[in-house]
Amino acid sequence: MKVWYGYGTEHSMNLVMIGRFKEVSAAERAHAVIKEFTKALQAEEEAGRLIIGEPDDRFSGEVLKLLSDLSIHSIGPRELEQFLYDLTMRREGDSIVVTTDETDVQALLKVLLDKGARIEVYSAHDYPGTGHGRGE
């Protein structure tokens, strides 16, 4: 008789991350930066330079230039794929709300911090009724 031991990632996190900014204009800028960066990474994936599940140790020239242009200096090449994970991001006044079932969100967290946000992160499974999270 064989006994199989394994680790599954079937549990959905229902993670909520809220970045609150001092001003609406700062939230607008951060939202635009994340959208622009995500769009560029989608192009990197389409071009075959970024493969989800196979993180690289180096930035492509295009990504390195964009990071510099957007003044993002805290993200490593292995974190880039996090911007392509299934998530929802919306701006609500002076806040950016991200919801996802993923736990690897440090790249988004770094950008929000870098752009001046105060951040709250929680699982909507544990804190239902907040108006955020899947199904609310």
C-alpha atoms as a PDB file:
ATOM      1  CA  MET A   1       0.000   0.000   0.000  1.00  0.00           C
ATOM      2  CA  LYS A   2       1.328   3.419  -0.963  1.00  0.00           C
ATOM      3  CA  VAL A   3       0.599   6.476   1.100  1.00  0.00           C
ATOM      4  CA  TRP A   4       0.834   9.758  -0.740  1.00  0.00           C
ATOM      5  CA  TYR A   5       1.754  12.914   1.127  1.00  0.00           C
ATOM      6  CA  GLY A   6       1.413  16.197  -0.629  1.00  0.00           C
ATOM      7  CA  TYR A   7       0.784  19.832  -0.281  1.00  0.00           C
ATOM      8  CA  GLY A   8      -2.076  21.420  -2.158  1.00  0.00           C
ATOM      9  CA  THR A   9      -2.709  25.015  -2.998  1.00  0.00           C
ATOM     10  CA  GLU A  10      -6.384  24.580  -3.641  1.00  0.00           C
ATOM     11  CA  HIS A  11      -7.426  26.892  -0.813  1.00  0.00           C
ATOM     12  CA  SER A  12      -8.403  30.309  -2.061  1.00  0.00           C
ATOM     13  CA  MET A  13      -6.911  33.104  -0.020  1.00  0.00           C
ATOM     14  CA  ASN A  14      -9.571  35.734  -0.828  1.00  0.00           C
ATOM     15  CA  LEU A  15      -6.873  38.262   0.001  1.00  0.00           C
ATOM     16  CA  VAL A  16      -7.638  41.960   0.173  1.00  0.00           C
ATOM     17  CA  MET A  17      -4.899  44.582   0.063  1.00  0.00           C
ATOM     18  CA  ILE A  18      -5.841  48.217   0.460  1.00  0.00           C
ATOM     19  CA  GLY A  19      -3.302  50.968  -0.131  1.00  0.00           C
ATOM     20  CA  ARG A  20      -4.469  54.306   1.264  1.00  0.00           C
ATOM     21  CA  PHE A  21      -2.772  57.481   0.104  1.00  0.00           C
ATOM     22  CA  LYS A  22      -2.655  60.965   1.594  1.00  0.00           C
ATOM     23  CA  GLU A  23      -4.249  62.420  -1.536  1.00  0.00           C
ATOM     24  CA  VAL A  24      -6.487  61.192  -4.336  1.00  0.00           C
ATOM     25  CA  SER A  25      -3.928  62.356  -6.896  1.00  0.00           C
ATOM     26  CA  ALA A  26      -1.280  60.074  -5.353  1.00  0.00           C
ATOM     27  CA  ALA A  27      -3.664  57.110  -5.600  1.00  0.00           C
ATOM     28  CA  GLU A  28      -4.392  58.013  -9.230  1.00  0.00           C
ATOM     29  CA  ARG A  29      -0.670  58.108 -10.050  1.00  0.00           C
ATOM     30  CA  ALA A  30       0.034  54.793  -8.291  1.00  0.00           C
ATOM     31  CA  HIS A  31      -2.937  53.169 -10.036  1.00  0.00           C
ATOM     32  CA  ALA A  32      -1.655  54.392 -13.421  1.00  0.00           C
ATOM     33  CA  VAL A  33       1.872  53.135 -12.666  1.00  0.00           C
ATOM     34  CA  ILE A  34       0.632  49.643 -11.750  1.00  0.00           C
ATOM     35  CA  LYS A  35      -1.595  49.473 -14.833  1.00  0.00           C
ATOM     36  CA  GLU A  36       1.229  50.612 -17.131  1.00  0.00           C
ATOM     37  CA  PHE A  37       3.682  48.169 -15.575  1.00  0.00           C
ATOM     38  CA  THR A  38       1.183  45.285 -15.810  1.00  0.00           C
ATOM     39  CA  LYS A  39       0.527  46.067 -19.479  1.00  0.00           C
ATOM     40  CA  ALA A  40       4.259  46.045 -20.203  1.00  0.00           C
ATOM     41  CA  LEU A  41       4.671  42.706 -18.426  1.00  0.00           C
ATOM     42  CA  GLN A  42       1.813  41.252 -20.450  1.00  0.00           C
ATOM     43  CA  ALA A  43       3.764  42.260 -23.552  1.00  0.00           C
ATOM     44  CA  GLU A  44       6.871  40.602 -22.082  1.00  0.00           C
ATOM     45  CA  GLU A  45       4.887  37.397 -21.583  1.00  0.00           C
ATOM     46  CA  GLU A  46       3.489  37.519 -25.132  1.00  0.00           C
ATOM     47  CA  ALA A  47       7.015  38.010 -26.486  1.00  0.00           C
ATOM     48  CA  GLY A  48       8.228  34.980 -24.524  1.00  0.00           C
ATOM     49  CA  ARG A  49      10.607  36.973 -22.319  1.00  0.00           C
ATOM     50  CA  LEU A  50       8.534  36.335 -19.172  1.00  0.00           C
ATOM     51  CA  ILE A  51       7.220  32.861 -18.437  1.00  0.00           C
ATOM     52  CA  ILE A  52       4.984  32.396 -15.404  1.00  0.00           C
ATOM     53  CA  GLY A  53       6.387  29.681 -13.179  1.00  0.00           C
ATOM     54  CA  GLU A  54       9.885  30.112 -14.582  1.00  0.00           C
ATOM     55  CA  PRO A  55      11.203  33.283 -12.954  1.00  0.00           C
ATOM     56  CA  ASP A  56      14.319  34.818 -14.433  1.00  0.00           C
ATOM     57  CA  ASP A  57      17.279  36.287 -12.580  1.00  0.00           C
ATOM     58  CA  ARG A  58      17.522  39.302 -14.885  1.00  0.00           C
ATOM     59  CA  PHE A  59      15.327  42.047 -16.231  1.00  0.00           C
ATOM     60  CA  SER A  60      14.926  42.447 -19.963  1.00  0.00           C
ATOM     61  CA  GLY A  61      16.187  45.768 -21.303  1.00  0.00           C
ATOM     62  CA  GLU A  62      12.598  46.918 -21.846  1.00  0.00           C
ATOM     63  CA  VAL A  63      11.551  46.146 -18.270  1.00  0.00           C
ATOM     64  CA  LEU A  64      14.689  47.704 -16.811  1.00  0.00           C
ATOM     65  CA  LYS A  65      14.023  50.930 -18.711  1.00  0.00           C
ATOM     66  CA  LEU A  66      10.375  50.979 -17.639  1.00  0.00           C
ATOM     67  CA  LEU A  67      11.302  50.390 -13.978  1.00  0.00           C
ATOM     68  CA  SER A  68      13.634  53.357 -14.208  1.00  0.00           C
ATOM     69  CA  ASP A  69      11.064  55.535 -16.011  1.00  0.00           C
ATOM     70  CA  LEU A  70       8.402  54.700 -13.389  1.00  0.00           C
ATOM     71  CA  SER A  71      10.839  55.136 -10.474  1.00  0.00           C
ATOM     72  CA  ILE A  72      10.273  51.606  -9.200  1.00  0.00           C
ATOM     73  CA  HIS A  73      13.455  50.404  -7.526  1.00  0.00           C
ATOM     74  CA  SER A  74      12.409  47.706  -5.050  1.00  0.00           C
ATOM     75  CA  ILE A  75      11.130  44.865  -7.263  1.00  0.00           C
ATOM     76  CA  GLY A  76      13.329  41.952  -8.228  1.00  0.00           C
ATOM     77  CA  PRO A  77      13.138  40.025 -11.499  1.00  0.00           C
ATOM     78  CA  ARG A  78      11.690  36.951  -9.763  1.00  0.00           C
ATOM     79  CA  GLU A  79       8.685  38.994  -8.585  1.00  0.00           C
ATOM     80  CA  LEU A  80       7.586  40.270 -11.995  1.00  0.00           C
ATOM     81  CA  GLU A  81       5.136  37.459 -12.694  1.00  0.00           C
ATOM     82  CA  GLN A  82       3.046  38.518  -9.688  1.00  0.00           C
ATOM     83  CA  PHE A  83       1.647  41.363 -11.783  1.00  0.00           C
ATOM     84  CA  LEU A  84       0.214  38.777 -14.171  1.00  0.00           C
ATOM     85  CA  TYR A  85      -1.591  36.724 -11.532  1.00  0.00           C
ATOM     86  CA  ASP A  86      -5.369  36.721 -11.486  1.00  0.00           C
ATOM     87  CA  LEU A  87      -6.316  39.768  -9.443  1.00  0.00           C
ATOM     88  CA  THR A  88      -8.713  42.659  -9.415  1.00  0.00           C
ATOM     89  CA  MET A  89      -7.462  46.182  -8.810  1.00  0.00           C
ATOM     90  CA  ARG A  90      -9.614  49.262  -8.525  1.00  0.00           C
ATOM     91  CA  ARG A  91      -9.183  52.778  -7.261  1.00  0.00           C
ATOM     92  CA  GLU A  92     -11.673  54.130  -4.725  1.00  0.00           C
ATOM     93  CA  GLY A  93     -10.946  57.783  -4.026  1.00  0.00           C
ATOM     94  CA  ASP A  94      -7.637  57.947  -2.173  1.00  0.00           C
ATOM     95  CA  SER A  95      -7.297  54.149  -2.049  1.00  0.00           C
ATOM     96  CA  ILE A  96      -6.328  51.273  -4.296  1.00  0.00           C
ATOM     97  CA  VAL A  97      -8.045  47.976  -3.516  1.00  0.00           C
ATOM     98  CA  VAL A  98      -6.532  44.711  -4.750  1.00  0.00           C
ATOM     99  CA  THR A  99      -8.336  41.383  -4.372  1.00  0.00           C
ATOM    100  CA  THR A 100      -6.852  38.022  -5.310  1.00  0.00           C
ATOM    101  CA  ASP A 101      -6.673  34.381  -4.309  1.00  0.00           C
ATOM    102  CA  GLU A 102      -2.868  34.506  -4.416  1.00  0.00           C
ATOM    103  CA  THR A 103      -0.543  34.900  -1.454  1.00  0.00           C
ATOM    104  CA  ASP A 104       2.446  36.188  -3.415  1.00  0.00           C
ATOM    105  CA  VAL A 105       1.637  39.873  -3.531  1.00  0.00           C
ATOM    106  CA  GLN A 106       4.868  41.422  -2.297  1.00  0.00           C
ATOM    107  CA  ALA A 107       5.613  43.059  -5.660  1.00  0.00           C
ATOM    108  CA  LEU A 108       2.314  44.978  -5.569  1.00  0.00           C
ATOM    109  CA  LEU A 109       2.865  45.763  -1.905  1.00  0.00           C
ATOM    110  CA  LYS A 110       6.305  47.182  -2.728  1.00  0.00           C
ATOM    111  CA  VAL A 111       4.924  49.442  -5.458  1.00  0.00           C
ATOM    112  CA  LEU A 112       2.145  50.722  -3.206  1.00  0.00           C
ATOM    113  CA  LEU A 113       4.626  51.419  -0.409  1.00  0.00           C
ATOM    114  CA  ASP A 114       7.078  52.999  -2.831  1.00  0.00           C
ATOM    115  CA  LYS A 115       4.333  55.342  -4.047  1.00  0.00           C
ATOM    116  CA  GLY A 116       3.383  56.445  -0.520  1.00  0.00           C
ATOM    117  CA  ALA A 117       0.559  54.141   0.568  1.00  0.00           C
ATOM    118  CA  ARG A 118      -0.346  52.975   4.033  1.00  0.00           C
ATOM    119  CA  ILE A 119      -1.346  49.345   3.529  1.00  0.00           C
ATOM    120  CA  GLU A 120      -3.840  46.946   5.078  1.00  0.00           C
ATOM    121  CA  VAL A 121      -3.754  43.261   4.069  1.00  0.00           C
ATOM    122  CA  TYR A 122      -6.195  40.586   5.219  1.00  0.00           C
ATOM    123  CA  SER A 123      -8.165  37.531   4.159  1.00  0.00           C
ATOM    124  CA  ALA A 124     -11.830  38.287   3.519  1.00  0.00           C
ATOM    125  CA  HIS A 125     -12.522  34.742   4.749  1.00  0.00           C
ATOM    126  CA  ASP A 126     -11.516  35.903   8.228  1.00  0.00           C
ATOM    127  CA  TYR A 127     -12.948  39.405   7.930  1.00  0.00           C
ATOM    128  CA  PRO A 128     -16.194  39.179   5.960  1.00  0.00           C
ATOM    129  CA  GLY A 129     -18.523  42.139   5.632  1.00  0.00           C
ATOM    130  CA  THR A 130     -15.841  44.700   4.875  1.00  0.00           C
ATOM    131  CA  GLY A 131     -17.236  45.374   1.417  1.00  0.00           C
ATOM    132  CA  HIS A 132     -14.108  43.931  -0.174  1.00  0.00           C
ATOM    133  CA  GLY A 133     -13.156  40.444  -1.185  1.00  0.00           C
ATOM    134  CA  ARG A 134     -14.785  37.974  -3.504  1.00  0.00           C
ATOM    135  CA  GLY A 135     -18.547  37.866  -3.259  1.00  0.00           C
ATOM    136  CA  GLU A 136     -19.013  41.186  -1.483  1.00  0.00           C
END
